Amino acid sequence: MTDEVPDQVADKAPEKSPKKPNMWARRKARRALVQAAYQWQVSGTSIAQLRREFGEKALDKADADFFGEILHLMMTTTADLDEQLTPLLDRSIDQLDVVERGILRLAATEMIQRIDVPYKVVIDEYVELTKLFGSQDAHKYVNGVLDQLAQTARSIEVNAAKGSGRG
């Protein structure tokens, strides 16, 4: 018996299994997203310019595809996002601090568009970013709004978590 591999097998590329997202790369992308959202809200920078600027420095070892997708979705669906967030707020969206408004829009984008990411992960990640970038107690407000958003945007997932004792 030999260890030779038939030519037809040796010529095949190994099959790629679906790659699980790297938690740290996503976390770094979310951090860059908060900064990009702030810059966009303050200066109106275009999507292309933000991708260029952040691609050069902030996205090293980050999930650049995730960054680009969430940024694009947030910037192109802002009116819809604001419409979904407004009933959950105690003031108009324009009265929110620019950092909090950006974080809520990003989190809403991810919660609504990326159902592959558990709602608790979305809430936890953006609450932590609010602690980092927002005002002193802003994370409590953001947590409350996102929890309410999850009740409507991810009701099946939220109810399943409650039913299993994890919610």
Protein backbone atom coordinates (compact mmCIF):
# COMPACT_ATOMS: atom_id res chain seq x y z
CA MET A 1 0.00 0.00 0.00
CA THR A 2 1.35 3.48 -0.86
CA ASP A 3 0.73 6.92 0.54
CA GLU A 4 0.19 8.44 -2.88
CA VAL A 5 -2.93 10.52 -3.46
CA PRO A 6 -4.76 10.12 -6.77
CA ASP A 7 -4.30 13.15 -9.03
CA GLN A 8 -7.97 14.05 -9.10
CA VAL A 9 -8.07 14.29 -5.30
CA ALA A 10 -4.75 16.14 -4.98
CA ASP A 11 -5.88 18.81 -7.46
CA LYS A 12 -8.99 19.70 -5.44
CA ALA A 13 -8.82 22.66 -3.12
CA PRO A 14 -9.85 21.80 0.42
CA GLU A 15 -13.47 22.69 1.11
CA LYS A 16 -13.88 25.73 3.27
CA SER A 17 -16.20 25.40 6.21
CA PRO A 18 -18.35 28.40 7.09
CA LYS A 19 -16.14 30.73 9.05
CA LYS A 20 -17.37 31.78 12.46
CA PRO A 21 -17.05 35.54 12.98
CA ASN A 22 -14.16 36.60 15.15
CA MET A 23 -15.62 38.23 18.28
CA TRP A 24 -12.65 40.58 18.70
CA ALA A 25 -12.67 41.65 15.05
CA ARG A 26 -16.40 42.44 15.33
CA ARG A 27 -15.82 44.36 18.57
CA LYS A 28 -13.10 46.43 16.90
CA ALA A 29 -15.39 47.06 13.92
CA ARG A 30 -18.18 48.25 16.23
CA ARG A 31 -15.80 50.64 17.96
CA ALA A 32 -14.82 52.09 14.56
CA LEU A 33 -18.52 52.23 13.61
CA VAL A 34 -19.28 54.46 16.60
CA GLN A 35 -16.48 56.81 15.56
CA ALA A 36 -17.61 56.79 11.92
CA ALA A 37 -21.25 57.44 12.90
CA TYR A 38 -20.14 60.39 15.01
CA GLN A 39 -18.07 61.81 12.15
CA TRP A 40 -20.94 61.34 9.69
CA GLN A 41 -23.50 63.01 11.97
CA VAL A 42 -21.22 65.95 12.75
CA SER A 43 -19.68 66.59 9.34
CA GLY A 44 -21.82 64.71 6.80
CA THR A 45 -18.86 62.69 5.52
CA SER A 46 -19.81 60.32 2.69
CA ILE A 47 -19.87 56.53 3.03
CA ALA A 48 -16.99 56.21 0.57
CA GLN A 49 -14.87 58.73 2.45
CA LEU A 50 -15.58 57.06 5.81
CA ARG A 51 -14.66 53.65 4.41
CA ARG A 52 -11.44 55.10 3.02
CA GLU A 53 -10.48 56.89 6.23
CA PHE A 54 -11.32 54.04 8.57
CA GLY A 55 -9.95 51.40 6.22
CA GLU A 56 -6.55 53.05 6.39
CA LYS A 57 -6.18 52.99 10.18
CA ALA A 58 -9.04 51.91 12.43
CA LEU A 59 -9.94 48.64 10.74
CA ASP A 60 -6.61 46.88 11.24
CA LYS A 61 -7.58 43.40 12.55
CA ALA A 62 -11.25 44.42 12.49
CA ASP A 63 -14.11 42.84 10.54
CA ALA A 64 -14.02 45.31 7.64
CA ASP A 65 -16.92 43.66 5.79
CA PHE A 66 -19.13 43.92 8.87
CA PHE A 67 -18.05 47.57 9.31
CA GLY A 68 -18.93 48.41 5.71
CA GLU A 69 -22.28 46.62 5.81
CA ILE A 70 -23.52 48.16 9.07
CA LEU A 71 -22.24 51.63 8.15
CA HIS A 72 -23.94 51.53 4.75
CA LEU A 73 -27.22 50.22 6.18
CA MET A 74 -27.26 52.80 8.98
CA MET A 75 -26.53 55.71 6.66
CA THR A 76 -29.05 54.67 4.01
CA THR A 77 -31.92 53.77 6.34
CA THR A 78 -31.63 56.53 8.94
CA ALA A 79 -35.20 57.76 8.49
CA ASP A 80 -36.58 54.23 9.01
CA LEU A 81 -34.32 53.67 12.02
CA ASP A 82 -35.37 56.97 13.58
CA GLU A 83 -39.02 56.06 13.00
CA GLN A 84 -38.55 52.78 14.88
CA LEU A 85 -36.56 54.39 17.70
CA THR A 86 -38.74 57.48 18.25
CA PRO A 87 -41.60 55.75 20.15
CA LEU A 88 -39.00 54.28 22.54
CA LEU A 89 -37.45 57.64 23.42
CA ASP A 90 -38.42 60.19 26.07
CA ARG A 91 -37.45 63.07 23.76
CA SER A 92 -37.02 63.68 20.05
CA ILE A 93 -34.15 61.90 18.36
CA ASP A 94 -32.60 65.27 17.49
CA GLN A 95 -32.38 66.15 21.19
CA LEU A 96 -30.22 63.12 21.92
CA ASP A 97 -26.50 63.57 22.35
CA VAL A 98 -24.80 62.91 19.00
CA VAL A 99 -22.88 59.92 20.43
CA GLU A 100 -26.01 58.33 21.91
CA ARG A 101 -27.97 58.94 18.71
CA GLY A 102 -25.25 57.30 16.62
CA ILE A 103 -24.97 54.32 18.95
CA LEU A 104 -28.74 53.80 18.98
CA ARG A 105 -28.88 53.96 15.19
CA LEU A 106 -26.00 51.49 14.83
CA ALA A 107 -27.46 49.09 17.39
CA ALA A 108 -30.89 49.33 15.77
CA THR A 109 -29.33 48.60 12.38
CA GLU A 110 -27.59 45.52 13.71
CA MET A 111 -30.60 44.32 15.69
CA ILE A 112 -32.97 44.69 12.73
CA GLN A 113 -30.70 43.66 9.86
CA ARG A 114 -28.34 41.09 11.40
CA ILE A 115 -30.52 38.47 13.02
CA ASP A 116 -27.52 36.14 13.03
CA VAL A 117 -26.16 38.21 15.94
CA PRO A 118 -28.04 37.45 19.18
CA TYR A 119 -29.97 40.45 20.50
CA LYS A 120 -28.21 40.23 23.87
CA VAL A 121 -24.85 40.55 22.12
CA VAL A 122 -26.07 43.64 20.26
CA ILE A 123 -27.30 45.24 23.49
CA ASP A 124 -24.19 44.35 25.49
CA GLU A 125 -21.75 45.53 22.84
CA TYR A 126 -23.41 48.90 22.31
CA VAL A 127 -23.97 49.51 26.03
CA GLU A 128 -20.23 48.94 26.56
CA LEU A 129 -19.44 51.35 23.71
CA THR A 130 -21.75 53.91 25.29
CA LYS A 131 -19.81 53.57 28.55
CA LEU A 132 -16.64 54.24 26.57
CA PHE A 133 -17.81 57.10 24.32
CA GLY A 134 -21.01 58.45 25.87
CA SER A 135 -21.78 60.71 28.80
CA GLN A 136 -21.67 59.43 32.37
CA ASP A 137 -25.00 57.61 32.67
CA ALA A 138 -25.88 57.38 28.98
CA HIS A 139 -25.35 53.61 28.98
CA LYS A 140 -28.41 53.17 31.23
CA TYR A 141 -30.58 55.08 28.78
CA VAL A 142 -29.19 53.23 25.75
CA ASN A 143 -29.70 49.89 27.53
CA GLY A 144 -33.35 50.73 28.24
CA VAL A 145 -34.06 51.83 24.67
CA LEU A 146 -32.35 48.79 23.14
CA ASP A 147 -34.16 46.45 25.50
CA GLN A 148 -37.48 47.90 24.31
CA LEU A 149 -36.37 47.67 20.68
CA ALA A 150 -35.51 44.00 21.15
CA GLN A 151 -39.07 43.38 22.40
CA THR A 152 -40.42 44.41 19.00
CA ALA A 153 -37.57 43.71 16.55
CA ARG A 154 -36.66 40.33 18.03
CA SER A 155 -39.82 39.32 19.89
CA ILE A 156 -39.51 35.60 19.09
CA GLU A 157 -35.90 35.50 20.28
CA VAL A 158 -36.68 37.54 23.41
CA ASN A 159 -39.67 35.36 24.30
CA ALA A 160 -37.65 32.19 23.72
CA ALA A 161 -34.93 33.49 26.06
CA LYS A 162 -37.53 34.34 28.72
CA GLY A 163 -39.15 30.95 28.38
CA SER A 164 -35.84 29.16 28.86
CA GLY A 165 -34.94 31.24 31.93
CA ARG A 166 -32.14 33.09 30.11
CA GLY A 167 -34.03 36.36 29.59
